[in-house]
PDB file of N, CA and C in Angstrom:
ATOM      1  N   MET A   1     120.452 174.166  47.909  1.00  0.00           N
ATOM      2  CA  MET A   1     121.380 175.190  47.933  1.00  0.00           C
ATOM      3  C   MET A   1     122.388 175.103  48.941  1.00  0.00           C
ATOM      4  N   VAL A   2     123.866 175.206  48.546  1.00  0.00           N
ATOM      5  CA  VAL A   2     124.827 175.169  49.389  1.00  0.00           C
ATOM      6  C   VAL A   2     125.146 176.471  49.813  1.00  0.00           C
ATOM      7  N   VAL A   3     125.193 176.824  51.232  1.00  0.00           N
ATOM      8  CA  VAL A   3     125.388 177.996  51.926  1.00  0.00           C
ATOM      9  C   VAL A   3     126.956 178.054  52.421  1.00  0.00           C
ATOM     10  N   ASN A   4     127.707 178.914  51.883  1.00  0.00           N
ATOM     11  CA  ASN A   4     129.024 179.252  52.189  1.00  0.00           C
ATOM     12  C   ASN A   4     129.222 180.055  53.607  1.00  0.00           C
ATOM     13  N   ALA A   5     128.881 179.463  54.549  1.00  0.00           N
ATOM     14  CA  ALA A   5     128.774 180.183  55.857  1.00  0.00           C
ATOM     15  C   ALA A   5     129.489 179.153  56.939  1.00  0.00           C
ATOM     16  N   HIS A   6     130.134 179.653  57.959  1.00  0.00           N
ATOM     17  CA  HIS A   6     130.833 178.641  58.905  1.00  0.00           C
ATOM     18  C   HIS A   6     130.603 178.905  60.258  1.00  0.00           C
ATOM     19  N   SER A   7     130.310 180.200  60.782  1.00  0.00           N
ATOM     20  CA  SER A   7     130.042 180.340  62.056  1.00  0.00           C
ATOM     21  C   SER A   7     128.460 180.002  62.256  1.00  0.00           C
ATOM     22  N   THR A   8     128.212 179.706  63.668  1.00  0.00           N
ATOM     23  CA  THR A   8     126.747 179.279  63.871  1.00  0.00           C
ATOM     24  C   THR A   8     125.819 180.514  63.558  1.00  0.00           C
ATOM     25  N   GLU A   9     126.306 181.736  63.927  1.00  0.00           N
ATOM     26  CA  GLU A   9     125.441 182.857  63.741  1.00  0.00           C
ATOM     27  C   GLU A   9     125.307 183.225  62.200  1.00  0.00           C
ATOM     28  N   GLU A  10     126.297 183.096  61.496  1.00  0.00           N
ATOM     29  CA  GLU A  10     126.297 183.063  60.151  1.00  0.00           C
ATOM     30  C   GLU A  10     125.187 182.188  59.338  1.00  0.00           C
ATOM     31  N   ILE A  11     125.361 180.828  59.782  1.00  0.00           N
ATOM     32  CA  ILE A  11     124.462 179.884  59.268  1.00  0.00           C
ATOM     33  C   ILE A  11     122.796 180.188  59.582  1.00  0.00           C
ATOM     34  N   ILE A  12     122.797 180.543  60.807  1.00  0.00           N
ATOM     35  CA  ILE A  12     121.244 180.881  61.395  1.00  0.00           C
ATOM     36  C   ILE A  12     120.829 181.951  60.511  1.00  0.00           C
ATOM     37  N   THR A  13     121.614 183.020  60.536  1.00  0.00           N
ATOM     38  CA  THR A  13     121.088 184.245  59.673  1.00  0.00           C
ATOM     39  C   THR A  13     120.818 184.004  58.196  1.00  0.00           C
ATOM     40  N   THR A  14     121.755 183.423  57.579  1.00  0.00           N
ATOM     41  CA  THR A  14     121.452 183.010  56.112  1.00  0.00           C
ATOM     42  C   THR A  14     120.221 182.199  56.060  1.00  0.00           C
ATOM     43  N   VAL A  15     120.001 181.096  56.833  1.00  0.00           N
ATOM     44  CA  VAL A  15     118.868 180.381  56.699  1.00  0.00           C
ATOM     45  C   VAL A  15     117.542 180.957  57.010  1.00  0.00           C
ATOM     46  N   LYS A  16     117.719 181.757  57.954  1.00  0.00           N
ATOM     47  CA  LYS A  16     116.351 182.694  58.101  1.00  0.00           C
ATOM     48  C   LYS A  16     115.988 183.541  57.000  1.00  0.00           C
ATOM     49  N   THR A  17     117.310 184.025  56.565  1.00  0.00           N
ATOM     50  CA  THR A  17     116.935 185.149  55.229  1.00  0.00           C
ATOM     51  C   THR A  17     116.291 184.477  53.988  1.00  0.00           C
ATOM     52  N   ILE A  18     116.772 183.230  53.867  1.00  0.00           N
ATOM     53  CA  ILE A  18     116.331 182.406  52.509  1.00  0.00           C
ATOM     54  C   ILE A  18     115.060 181.691  52.833  1.00  0.00           C
ATOM     55  N   ALA A  19     114.669 181.399  54.068  1.00  0.00           N
ATOM     56  CA  ALA A  19     113.575 180.483  54.319  1.00  0.00           C
ATOM     57  C   ALA A  19     112.316 180.776  53.705  1.00  0.00           C
ATOM     58  N   PRO A  20     111.781 181.949  53.607  1.00  0.00           N
ATOM     59  CA  PRO A  20     110.514 182.264  52.943  1.00  0.00           C
ATOM     60  C   PRO A  20     110.532 181.734  51.392  1.00  0.00           C
ATOM     61  N   THR A  21     111.614 181.314  50.769  1.00  0.00           N
ATOM     62  CA  THR A  21     111.392 180.816  49.562  1.00  0.00           C
ATOM     63  C   THR A  21     111.500 179.342  49.309  1.00  0.00           C
ATOM     64  N   PHE A  22     111.672 178.574  50.504  1.00  0.00           N
ATOM     65  CA  PHE A  22     111.827 177.286  50.481  1.00  0.00           C
ATOM     66  C   PHE A  22     110.589 176.509  51.380  1.00  0.00           C
ATOM     67  N   GLY A  23     110.360 175.373  51.021  1.00  0.00           N
ATOM     68  CA  GLY A  23     109.365 174.486  51.732  1.00  0.00           C
ATOM     69  C   GLY A  23     109.896 173.820  52.848  1.00  0.00           C
ATOM     70  N   GLY A  24     111.293 173.756  53.004  1.00  0.00           N
ATOM     71  CA  GLY A  24     111.892 173.009  53.975  1.00  0.00           C
ATOM     72  C   GLY A  24     113.300 173.241  53.963  1.00  0.00           C
ATOM     73  N   ILE A  25     114.004 172.986  55.019  1.00  0.00           N
ATOM     74  CA  ILE A  25     115.455 172.979  55.075  1.00  0.00           C
ATOM     75  C   ILE A  25     116.050 171.792  55.507  1.00  0.00           C
ATOM     76  N   ASN A  26     117.151 171.216  54.908  1.00  0.00           N
ATOM     77  CA  ASN A  26     117.870 170.282  55.192  1.00  0.00           C
ATOM     78  C   ASN A  26     119.438 170.670  55.610  1.00  0.00           C
ATOM     79  N   LEU A  27     119.757 170.652  56.951  1.00  0.00           N
ATOM     80  CA  LEU A  27     121.043 170.892  57.222  1.00  0.00           C
ATOM     81  C   LEU A  27     121.672 169.759  57.103  1.00  0.00           C
ATOM     82  N   GLU A  28     122.955 169.919  56.501  1.00  0.00           N
ATOM     83  CA  GLU A  28     123.989 168.805  56.056  1.00  0.00           C
ATOM     84  C   GLU A  28     125.079 168.964  56.464  1.00  0.00           C
ATOM     85  N   ASP A  29     125.858 167.962  57.205  1.00  0.00           N
ATOM     86  CA  ASP A  29     127.106 167.819  57.538  1.00  0.00           C
ATOM     87  C   ASP A  29     127.597 169.187  58.487  1.00  0.00           C
ATOM     88  N   ILE A  30     126.767 169.315  59.604  1.00  0.00           N
ATOM     89  CA  ILE A  30     127.098 170.223  60.442  1.00  0.00           C
ATOM     90  C   ILE A  30     127.361 169.468  61.782  1.00  0.00           C
ATOM     91  N   THR A  31     128.571 169.639  62.375  1.00  0.00           N
ATOM     92  CA  THR A  31     128.782 168.910  63.508  1.00  0.00           C
ATOM     93  C   THR A  31     128.266 169.485  64.869  1.00  0.00           C
ATOM     94  N   ALA A  32     128.223 168.139  65.708  1.00  0.00           N
ATOM     95  CA  ALA A  32     128.059 168.474  67.053  1.00  0.00           C
ATOM     96  C   ALA A  32     129.053 169.287  67.875  1.00  0.00           C
ATOM     97  N   PRO A  33     128.787 170.328  68.623  1.00  0.00           N
ATOM     98  CA  PRO A  33     127.458 170.579  69.134  1.00  0.00           C
ATOM     99  C   PRO A  33     126.773 171.780  68.305  1.00  0.00           C
ATOM    100  N   LYS A  34     127.372 172.246  67.439  1.00  0.00           N
ATOM    101  CA  LYS A  34     126.881 173.587  66.495  1.00  0.00           C
ATOM    102  C   LYS A  34     125.479 173.015  65.955  1.00  0.00           C
ATOM    103  N   CYS A  35     125.341 171.597  65.505  1.00  0.00           N
ATOM    104  CA  CYS A  35     124.204 171.395  64.749  1.00  0.00           C
ATOM    105  C   CYS A  35     122.912 171.532  65.729  1.00  0.00           C
ATOM    106  N   PHE A  36     123.181 171.375  66.992  1.00  0.00           N
ATOM    107  CA  PHE A  36     122.043 171.478  68.057  1.00  0.00           C
ATOM    108  C   PHE A  36     121.697 173.013  68.101  1.00  0.00           C
ATOM    109  N   VAL A  37     122.619 173.922  68.211  1.00  0.00           N
ATOM    110  CA  VAL A  37     122.184 175.232  68.328  1.00  0.00           C
ATOM    111  C   VAL A  37     121.590 175.787  67.321  1.00  0.00           C
ATOM    112  N   ILE A  38     122.073 175.368  66.106  1.00  0.00           N
ATOM    113  CA  ILE A  38     121.547 175.964  64.779  1.00  0.00           C
ATOM    114  C   ILE A  38     120.153 175.450  64.551  1.00  0.00           C
ATOM    115  N   GLU A  39     119.843 174.041  64.846  1.00  0.00           N
ATOM    116  CA  GLU A  39     118.630 173.499  64.615  1.00  0.00           C
ATOM    117  C   GLU A  39     117.499 174.247  65.616  1.00  0.00           C
ATOM    118  N   ALA A  40     117.853 174.482  66.917  1.00  0.00           N
ATOM    119  CA  ALA A  40     117.125 175.028  67.806  1.00  0.00           C
ATOM    120  C   ALA A  40     116.628 176.285  67.494  1.00  0.00           C
ATOM    121  N   ALA A  41     117.768 177.075  66.881  1.00  0.00           N
ATOM    122  CA  ALA A  41     117.361 178.567  66.644  1.00  0.00           C
ATOM    123  C   ALA A  41     116.563 178.703  65.325  1.00  0.00           C
ATOM    124  N   LEU A  42     116.331 177.416  64.537  1.00  0.00           N
ATOM    125  CA  LEU A  42     115.639 177.605  63.403  1.00  0.00           C
ATOM    126  C   LEU A  42     114.223 176.872  63.341  1.00  0.00           C
ATOM    127  N   GLN A  43     113.851 176.774  64.648  1.00  0.00           N
ATOM    128  CA  GLN A  43     112.588 175.941  64.992  1.00  0.00           C
ATOM    129  C   GLN A  43     111.306 176.909  64.575  1.00  0.00           C
ATOM    130  N   ASP A  44     111.544 178.330  64.713  1.00  0.00           N
ATOM    131  CA  ASP A  44     110.481 179.375  64.476  1.00  0.00           C
ATOM    132  C   ASP A  44     110.370 179.983  63.151  1.00  0.00           C
ATOM    133  N   ILE A  45     110.943 179.293  62.210  1.00  0.00           N
ATOM    134  CA  ILE A  45     111.094 179.962  60.834  1.00  0.00           C
ATOM    135  C   ILE A  45     109.847 179.443  59.770  1.00  0.00           C
ATOM    136  N   GLY A  46     108.940 178.614  60.401  1.00  0.00           N
ATOM    137  CA  GLY A  46     107.631 178.319  59.817  1.00  0.00           C
ATOM    138  C   GLY A  46     107.578 177.195  58.638  1.00  0.00           C
ATOM    139  N   ILE A  47     108.983 176.745  58.583  1.00  0.00           N
ATOM    140  CA  ILE A  47     108.971 175.455  57.673  1.00  0.00           C
ATOM    141  C   ILE A  47     109.763 174.441  58.340  1.00  0.00           C
ATOM    142  N   PRO A  48     109.846 173.168  58.001  1.00  0.00           N
ATOM    143  CA  PRO A  48     110.403 172.115  58.587  1.00  0.00           C
ATOM    144  C   PRO A  48     111.840 172.291  58.425  1.00  0.00           C
ATOM    145  N   VAL A  49     112.762 171.958  59.490  1.00  0.00           N
ATOM    146  CA  VAL A  49     114.208 171.956  59.476  1.00  0.00           C
ATOM    147  C   VAL A  49     114.564 170.607  59.631  1.00  0.00           C
ATOM    148  N   PHE A  50     115.440 170.054  59.122  1.00  0.00           N
ATOM    149  CA  PHE A  50     115.813 168.635  59.187  1.00  0.00           C
ATOM    150  C   PHE A  50     117.503 168.541  59.065  1.00  0.00           C
ATOM    151  N   HIS A  51     117.906 167.948  60.126  1.00  0.00           N
ATOM    152  CA  HIS A  51     119.361 167.815  60.153  1.00  0.00           C
ATOM    153  C   HIS A  51     119.585 166.326  59.939  1.00  0.00           C
ATOM    154  N   ASP A  52     120.136 165.843  58.721  1.00  0.00           N
ATOM    155  CA  ASP A  52     120.262 164.524  58.265  1.00  0.00           C
ATOM    156  C   ASP A  52     121.135 163.775  59.361  1.00  0.00           C
ATOM    157  N   ASP A  53     122.043 164.280  59.866  1.00  0.00           N
ATOM    158  CA  ASP A  53     122.999 163.416  60.643  1.00  0.00           C
ATOM    159  C   ASP A  53     122.316 163.133  62.130  1.00  0.00           C
ATOM    160  N   GLN A  54     121.248 163.866  62.444  1.00  0.00           N
ATOM    161  CA  GLN A  54     120.549 163.585  63.764  1.00  0.00           C
ATOM    162  C   GLN A  54     119.303 163.020  63.313  1.00  0.00           C
ATOM    163  N   HIS A  55     118.341 163.605  62.503  1.00  0.00           N
ATOM    164  CA  HIS A  55     117.153 163.032  62.464  1.00  0.00           C
ATOM    165  C   HIS A  55     116.995 161.982  61.405  1.00  0.00           C
ATOM    166  N   GLY A  56     117.830 161.970  60.463  1.00  0.00           N
ATOM    167  CA  GLY A  56     117.864 160.894  59.331  1.00  0.00           C
ATOM    168  C   GLY A  56     118.247 159.542  59.870  1.00  0.00           C
ATOM    169  N   THR A  57     119.561 159.881  60.635  1.00  0.00           N
ATOM    170  CA  THR A  57     119.998 158.402  61.191  1.00  0.00           C
ATOM    171  C   THR A  57     119.096 157.828  62.316  1.00  0.00           C
ATOM    172  N   ALA A  58     118.560 158.786  63.199  1.00  0.00           N
ATOM    173  CA  ALA A  58     117.749 158.387  64.314  1.00  0.00           C
ATOM    174  C   ALA A  58     116.510 157.564  63.649  1.00  0.00           C
ATOM    175  N   ILE A  59     115.942 158.248  62.660  1.00  0.00           N
ATOM    176  CA  ILE A  59     114.585 157.435  62.058  1.00  0.00           C
ATOM    177  C   ILE A  59     114.998 156.116  61.587  1.00  0.00           C
ATOM    178  N   VAL A  60     116.196 156.190  60.810  1.00  0.00           N
ATOM    179  CA  VAL A  60     116.463 154.719  60.165  1.00  0.00           C
ATOM    180  C   VAL A  60     116.696 153.778  61.156  1.00  0.00           C
ATOM    181  N   LEU A  61     117.504 154.299  62.307  1.00  0.00           N
ATOM    182  CA  LEU A  61     117.779 153.319  63.498  1.00  0.00           C
ATOM    183  C   LEU A  61     116.633 152.736  64.144  1.00  0.00           C
ATOM    184  N   LEU A  62     115.454 153.749  64.489  1.00  0.00           N
ATOM    185  CA  LEU A  62     114.313 153.281  64.797  1.00  0.00           C
ATOM    186  C   LEU A  62     113.648 152.166  64.068  1.00  0.00           C
ATOM    187  N   ALA A  63     113.616 152.460  62.854  1.00  0.00           N
ATOM    188  CA  ALA A  63     112.963 151.385  62.168  1.00  0.00           C
ATOM    189  C   ALA A  63     113.755 150.134  61.999  1.00  0.00           C
ATOM    190  N   ALA A  64     114.988 150.003  62.025  1.00  0.00           N
ATOM    191  CA  ALA A  64     115.646 148.761  62.225  1.00  0.00           C
ATOM    192  C   ALA A  64     115.579 148.140  63.602  1.00  0.00           C
ATOM    193  N   LEU A  65     115.437 149.079  64.636  1.00  0.00           N
ATOM    194  CA  LEU A  65     115.248 148.520  66.029  1.00  0.00           C
ATOM    195  C   LEU A  65     113.946 147.889  66.012  1.00  0.00           C
ATOM    196  N   GLU A  66     112.767 148.460  65.435  1.00  0.00           N
ATOM    197  CA  GLU A  66     111.666 147.753  65.488  1.00  0.00           C
ATOM    198  C   GLU A  66     111.517 146.295  64.834  1.00  0.00           C
ATOM    199  N   ASN A  67     112.381 146.450  63.625  1.00  0.00           N
ATOM    200  CA  ASN A  67     112.196 145.081  62.916  1.00  0.00           C
ATOM    201  C   ASN A  67     113.203 144.092  63.773  1.00  0.00           C
ATOM    202  N   ALA A  68     114.201 144.530  64.363  1.00  0.00           N
ATOM    203  CA  ALA A  68     114.876 143.585  65.281  1.00  0.00           C
ATOM    204  C   ALA A  68     113.993 143.145  66.245  1.00  0.00           C
ATOM    205  N   ALA A  69     113.201 143.938  66.833  1.00  0.00           N
ATOM    206  CA  ALA A  69     112.500 143.597  68.136  1.00  0.00           C
ATOM    207  C   ALA A  69     111.546 142.385  67.778  1.00  0.00           C
ATOM    208  N   LYS A  70     110.792 142.704  66.364  1.00  0.00           N
ATOM    209  CA  LYS A  70     109.868 141.741  66.003  1.00  0.00           C
ATOM    210  C   LYS A  70     110.554 140.446  65.879  1.00  0.00           C
ATOM    211  N   VAL A  71     111.693 140.342  65.388  1.00  0.00           N
ATOM    212  CA  VAL A  71     112.519 138.993  65.029  1.00  0.00           C
ATOM    213  C   VAL A  71     112.628 138.202  66.490  1.00  0.00           C
ATOM    214  N   VAL A  72     112.909 139.003  67.453  1.00  0.00           N
ATOM    215  CA  VAL A  72     113.330 138.288  68.729  1.00  0.00           C
ATOM    216  C   VAL A  72     112.224 138.473  69.707  1.00  0.00           C
ATOM    217  N   ASN A  73     111.034 138.738  69.138  1.00  0.00           N
ATOM    218  CA  ASN A  73     109.549 138.828  69.985  1.00  0.00           C
ATOM    219  C   ASN A  73     109.701 139.490  71.131  1.00  0.00           C
ATOM    220  N   LYS A  74     110.079 140.712  71.031  1.00  0.00           N
ATOM    221  CA  LYS A  74     110.135 141.640  72.100  1.00  0.00           C
ATOM    222  C   LYS A  74     109.420 143.038  71.695  1.00  0.00           C
ATOM    223  N   SER A  75     109.109 143.632  72.675  1.00  0.00           N
ATOM    224  CA  SER A  75     108.565 145.212  72.290  1.00  0.00           C
ATOM    225  C   SER A  75     109.676 146.102  72.503  1.00  0.00           C
ATOM    226  N   LEU A  76     109.442 147.371  71.916  1.00  0.00           N
ATOM    227  CA  LEU A  76     110.489 148.242  72.221  1.00  0.00           C
ATOM    228  C   LEU A  76     110.693 148.746  73.733  1.00  0.00           C
ATOM    229  N   GLU A  77     109.681 148.760  74.486  1.00  0.00           N
ATOM    230  CA  GLU A  77     109.756 148.806  76.025  1.00  0.00           C
ATOM    231  C   GLU A  77     110.497 147.727  76.722  1.00  0.00           C
ATOM    232  N   GLU A  78     110.997 146.767  76.226  1.00  0.00           N
ATOM    233  CA  GLU A  78     111.769 145.618  76.910  1.00  0.00           C
ATOM    234  C   GLU A  78     113.259 145.819  76.537  1.00  0.00           C
ATOM    235  N   LEU A  79     113.521 146.602  75.555  1.00  0.00           N
ATOM    236  CA  LEU A  79     114.979 146.873  75.020  1.00  0.00           C
ATOM    237  C   LEU A  79     116.038 147.567  75.630  1.00  0.00           C
ATOM    238  N   ARG A  80     117.117 147.170  75.974  1.00  0.00           N
ATOM    239  CA  ARG A  80     118.194 147.892  76.475  1.00  0.00           C
ATOM    240  C   ARG A  80     119.018 148.193  75.443  1.00  0.00           C
ATOM    241  N   VAL A  81     119.350 149.445  75.060  1.00  0.00           N
ATOM    242  CA  VAL A  81     120.094 149.877  73.965  1.00  0.00           C
ATOM    243  C   VAL A  81     121.468 150.548  74.281  1.00  0.00           C
ATOM    244  N   VAL A  82     122.502 150.215  73.488  1.00  0.00           N
ATOM    245  CA  VAL A  82     123.702 150.911  73.920  1.00  0.00           C
ATOM    246  C   VAL A  82     124.065 151.660  72.390  1.00  0.00           C
ATOM    247  N   VAL A  83     124.155 153.093  72.635  1.00  0.00           N
ATOM    248  CA  VAL A  83     124.523 154.016  71.579  1.00  0.00           C
ATOM    249  C   VAL A  83     125.927 154.189  71.670  1.00  0.00           C
ATOM    250  N   ASN A  84     126.709 153.842  70.698  1.00  0.00           N
ATOM    251  CA  ASN A  84     128.254 153.803  70.628  1.00  0.00           C
ATOM    252  C   ASN A  84     128.479 155.143  69.871  1.00  0.00           C
ATOM    253  N   GLY A  85     128.729 156.339  70.784  1.00  0.00           N
ATOM    254  CA  GLY A  85     128.882 157.492  70.046  1.00  0.00           C
ATOM    255  C   GLY A  85     127.963 158.510  70.542  1.00  0.00           C
ATOM    256  N   ALA A  86     128.418 159.753  70.776  1.00  0.00           N
ATOM    257  CA  ALA A  86     127.600 160.884  71.502  1.00  0.00           C
ATOM    258  C   ALA A  86     127.791 162.100  70.740  1.00  0.00           C
ATOM    259  N   GLY A  87     127.837 161.841  69.279  1.00  0.00           N
ATOM    260  CA  GLY A  87     127.793 162.943  68.367  1.00  0.00           C
ATOM    261  C   GLY A  87     126.369 163.261  67.977  1.00  0.00           C
ATOM    262  N   ALA A  88     126.134 163.958  66.914  1.00  0.00           N
ATOM    263  CA  ALA A  88     124.733 164.332  66.323  1.00  0.00           C
ATOM    264  C   ALA A  88     123.827 163.359  66.302  1.00  0.00           C
ATOM    265  N   ALA A  89     124.334 162.138  65.795  1.00  0.00           N
ATOM    266  CA  ALA A  89     123.372 161.181  65.627  1.00  0.00           C
ATOM    267  C   ALA A  89     123.088 160.277  66.662  1.00  0.00           C
ATOM    268  N   GLY A  90     124.243 160.264  67.663  1.00  0.00           N
ATOM    269  CA  GLY A  90     123.926 159.386  68.786  1.00  0.00           C
ATOM    270  C   GLY A  90     123.068 160.043  69.816  1.00  0.00           C
ATOM    271  N   ILE A  91     123.070 161.449  69.854  1.00  0.00           N
ATOM    272  CA  ILE A  91     122.357 162.024  70.833  1.00  0.00           C
ATOM    273  C   ILE A  91     120.860 162.145  70.220  1.00  0.00           C
ATOM    274  N   ALA A  92     120.642 162.250  68.950  1.00  0.00           N
ATOM    275  CA  ALA A  92     119.283 162.202  68.531  1.00  0.00           C
ATOM    276  C   ALA A  92     118.654 160.962  68.643  1.00  0.00           C
ATOM    277  N   ILE A  93     119.481 159.898  68.387  1.00  0.00           N
ATOM    278  CA  ILE A  93     118.977 158.645  68.622  1.00  0.00           C
ATOM    279  C   ILE A  93     118.477 158.190  70.029  1.00  0.00           C
ATOM    280  N   ALA A  94     119.180 158.638  71.079  1.00  0.00           N
ATOM    281  CA  ALA A  94     118.965 158.385  72.535  1.00  0.00           C
ATOM    282  C   ALA A  94     117.833 159.382  72.712  1.00  0.00           C
ATOM    283  N   ASN A  95     117.515 160.617  72.135  1.00  0.00           N
ATOM    284  CA  ASN A  95     116.414 161.292  72.517  1.00  0.00           C
ATOM    285  C   ASN A  95     115.185 160.764  71.973  1.00  0.00           C
ATOM    286  N   LEU A  96     115.294 160.232  70.593  1.00  0.00           N
ATOM    287  CA  LEU A  96     114.029 159.547  69.976  1.00  0.00           C
ATOM    288  C   LEU A  96     113.752 158.423  70.709  1.00  0.00           C
ATOM    289  N   LEU A  97     114.712 157.553  71.033  1.00  0.00           N
ATOM    290  CA  LEU A  97     114.220 156.181  72.013  1.00  0.00           C
ATOM    291  C   LEU A  97     113.751 156.467  73.202  1.00  0.00           C
ATOM    292  N   ARG A  98     114.084 157.606  73.721  1.00  0.00           N
ATOM    293  CA  ARG A  98     113.471 157.928  75.015  1.00  0.00           C
ATOM    294  C   ARG A  98     112.304 158.997  74.916  1.00  0.00           C
ATOM    295  N   CYS A  99     111.807 159.126  73.731  1.00  0.00           N
ATOM    296  CA  CYS A  99     110.553 160.008  73.404  1.00  0.00           C
ATOM    297  C   CYS A  99     110.747 161.470  73.967  1.00  0.00           C
ATOM    298  N   VAL A 100     111.918 162.032  73.947  1.00  0.00           N
ATOM    299  CA  VAL A 100     112.239 163.233  74.349  1.00  0.00           C
ATOM    300  C   VAL A 100     111.777 164.139  73.128  1.00  0.00           C
ATOM    301  N   GLY A 101     110.955 165.226  73.664  1.00  0.00           N
ATOM    302  CA  GLY A 101     110.171 165.970  72.868  1.00  0.00           C
ATOM    303  C   GLY A 101     109.076 165.480  71.823  1.00  0.00           C
ATOM    304  N   HIS A 102     108.742 164.154  72.103  1.00  0.00           N
ATOM    305  CA  HIS A 102     107.796 163.494  71.270  1.00  0.00           C
ATOM    306  C   HIS A 102     106.577 163.288  72.119  1.00  0.00           C
ATOM    307  N   ASP A 103     105.261 163.176  71.494  1.00  0.00           N
ATOM    308  CA  ASP A 103     104.059 163.086  72.150  1.00  0.00           C
ATOM    309  C   ASP A 103     104.155 161.607  72.900  1.00  0.00           C
ATOM    310  N   PRO A 104     103.971 161.685  74.202  1.00  0.00           N
ATOM    311  CA  PRO A 104     103.876 160.393  74.887  1.00  0.00           C
ATOM    312  C   PRO A 104     103.018 159.519  74.848  1.00  0.00           C
ATOM    313  N   ASN A 105     101.601 160.065  74.198  1.00  0.00           N
ATOM    314  CA  ASN A 105     100.624 159.053  73.836  1.00  0.00           C
ATOM    315  C   ASN A 105     100.869 158.235  72.500  1.00  0.00           C
ATOM    316  N   VAL A 106     102.030 158.699  71.695  1.00  0.00           N
ATOM    317  CA  VAL A 106     102.305 158.119  70.415  1.00  0.00           C
ATOM    318  C   VAL A 106     103.529 157.428  70.675  1.00  0.00           C
ATOM    319  N   CYS A 107     104.560 158.050  71.159  1.00  0.00           N
ATOM    320  CA  CYS A 107     105.810 157.460  71.273  1.00  0.00           C
ATOM    321  C   CYS A 107     106.026 156.437  72.403  1.00  0.00           C
ATOM    322  N   VAL A 108     106.813 155.504  72.141  1.00  0.00           N
ATOM    323  CA  VAL A 108     107.168 154.350  73.276  1.00  0.00           C
ATOM    324  C   VAL A 108     108.346 154.316  73.543  1.00  0.00           C
ATOM    325  N   PRO A 109     108.897 154.742  74.735  1.00  0.00           N
ATOM    326  CA  PRO A 109     110.452 154.549  74.916  1.00  0.00           C
ATOM    327  C   PRO A 109     110.832 153.247  75.196  1.00  0.00           C
ATOM    328  N   VAL A 110     112.210 153.017  74.928  1.00  0.00           N
ATOM    329  CA  VAL A 110     112.921 151.636  75.124  1.00  0.00           C
ATOM    330  C   VAL A 110     113.290 151.753  76.714  1.00  0.00           C
ATOM    331  N   LYS A 111     113.531 150.558  77.202  1.00  0.00           N
ATOM    332  CA  LYS A 111     113.675 150.298  78.640  1.00  0.00           C
ATOM    333  C   LYS A 111     114.783 151.127  79.174  1.00  0.00           C
ATOM    334  N   ASP A 112     116.018 150.806  78.761  1.00  0.00           N
ATOM    335  CA  ASP A 112     117.190 151.570  79.002  1.00  0.00           C
ATOM    336  C   ASP A 112     118.078 151.855  77.740  1.00  0.00           C
ATOM    337  N   ILE A 113     118.716 153.035  77.968  1.00  0.00           N
ATOM    338  CA  ILE A 113     119.753 153.398  76.964  1.00  0.00           C
ATOM    339  C   ILE A 113     121.074 153.823  77.637  1.00  0.00           C
ATOM    340  N   TYR A 114     122.120 153.266  77.014  1.00  0.00           N
ATOM    341  CA  TYR A 114     123.424 153.632  77.716  1.00  0.00           C
ATOM    342  C   TYR A 114     124.217 154.400  76.347  1.00  0.00           C
ATOM    343  N   VAL A 115     124.621 155.732  76.548  1.00  0.00           N
ATOM    344  CA  VAL A 115     125.515 156.243  75.555  1.00  0.00           C
ATOM    345  C   VAL A 115     126.784 156.353  75.948  1.00  0.00           C
ATOM    346  N   CYS A 116     127.477 155.853  75.000  1.00  0.00           N
ATOM    347  CA  CYS A 116     128.832 155.706  75.401  1.00  0.00           C
ATOM    348  C   CYS A 116     129.829 156.595  74.255  1.00  0.00           C
ATOM    349  N   ASP A 117     131.038 157.138  74.716  1.00  0.00           N
ATOM    350  CA  ASP A 117     132.066 157.620  74.015  1.00  0.00           C
ATOM    351  C   ASP A 117     133.424 156.754  74.029  1.00  0.00           C
ATOM    352  N   SER A 118     134.474 157.282  73.802  1.00  0.00           N
ATOM    353  CA  SER A 118     135.638 156.511  73.526  1.00  0.00           C
ATOM    354  C   SER A 118     136.182 155.946  74.854  1.00  0.00           C
ATOM    355  N   ARG A 119     135.562 156.896  76.069  1.00  0.00           N
ATOM    356  CA  ARG A 119     136.195 156.297  77.232  1.00  0.00           C
ATOM    357  C   ARG A 119     135.164 155.467  78.061  1.00  0.00           C
ATOM    358  N   GLY A 120     133.950 155.305  77.419  1.00  0.00           N
ATOM    359  CA  GLY A 120     132.975 154.308  78.212  1.00  0.00           C
ATOM    360  C   GLY A 120     131.598 155.013  78.308  1.00  0.00           C
ATOM    361  N   ILE A 121     130.918 154.631  79.362  1.00  0.00           N
ATOM    362  CA  ILE A 121     129.326 155.098  79.406  1.00  0.00           C
ATOM    363  C   ILE A 121     129.415 156.328  79.982  1.00  0.00           C
ATOM    364  N   ILE A 122     128.837 157.463  79.297  1.00  0.00           N
ATOM    365  CA  ILE A 122     128.708 158.754  79.652  1.00  0.00           C
ATOM    366  C   ILE A 122     127.292 159.087  80.213  1.00  0.00           C
ATOM    367  N   SER A 123     126.415 158.368  79.875  1.00  0.00           N
ATOM    368  CA  SER A 123     125.144 158.463  80.438  1.00  0.00           C
ATOM    369  C   SER A 123     124.113 157.403  80.227  1.00  0.00           C
ATOM    370  N   SER A 124     123.384 157.190  81.285  1.00  0.00           N
ATOM    371  CA  SER A 124     122.345 156.119  81.151  1.00  0.00           C
ATOM    372  C   SER A 124     120.918 156.967  81.403  1.00  0.00           C
ATOM    373  N   VAL A 125     120.098 156.939  80.375  1.00  0.00           N
ATOM    374  CA  VAL A 125     118.844 157.426  80.345  1.00  0.00           C
ATOM    375  C   VAL A 125     117.631 156.687  80.285  1.00  0.00           C
TER     376      VAL A 125
END
């Protein structure tokens, strides 16, 4: 379903209204920082909320990074990662690779992460 809403509040209200009739919500093409606010506001609706720019990209990147680490005989804990871009995908990648919001008994953080924008390193986590 495509929703013709533009403001953060309008999107949140619309999704909360239609949520009971869906099994999950996929947020598509919502830019940062709006996507972070919208996703956080929808965590209590009782169904999964997935933002493809954040979660889809981060999950695919993690799979690729795990395969690359195997090729060079390293573990994720040994890797230093540079994330080029601090939009929705870049922030989600950094959070996933540092296990932010994930079970520390299951999630294994990489050694170092450097997040860059067009001016250089903006954060090392």
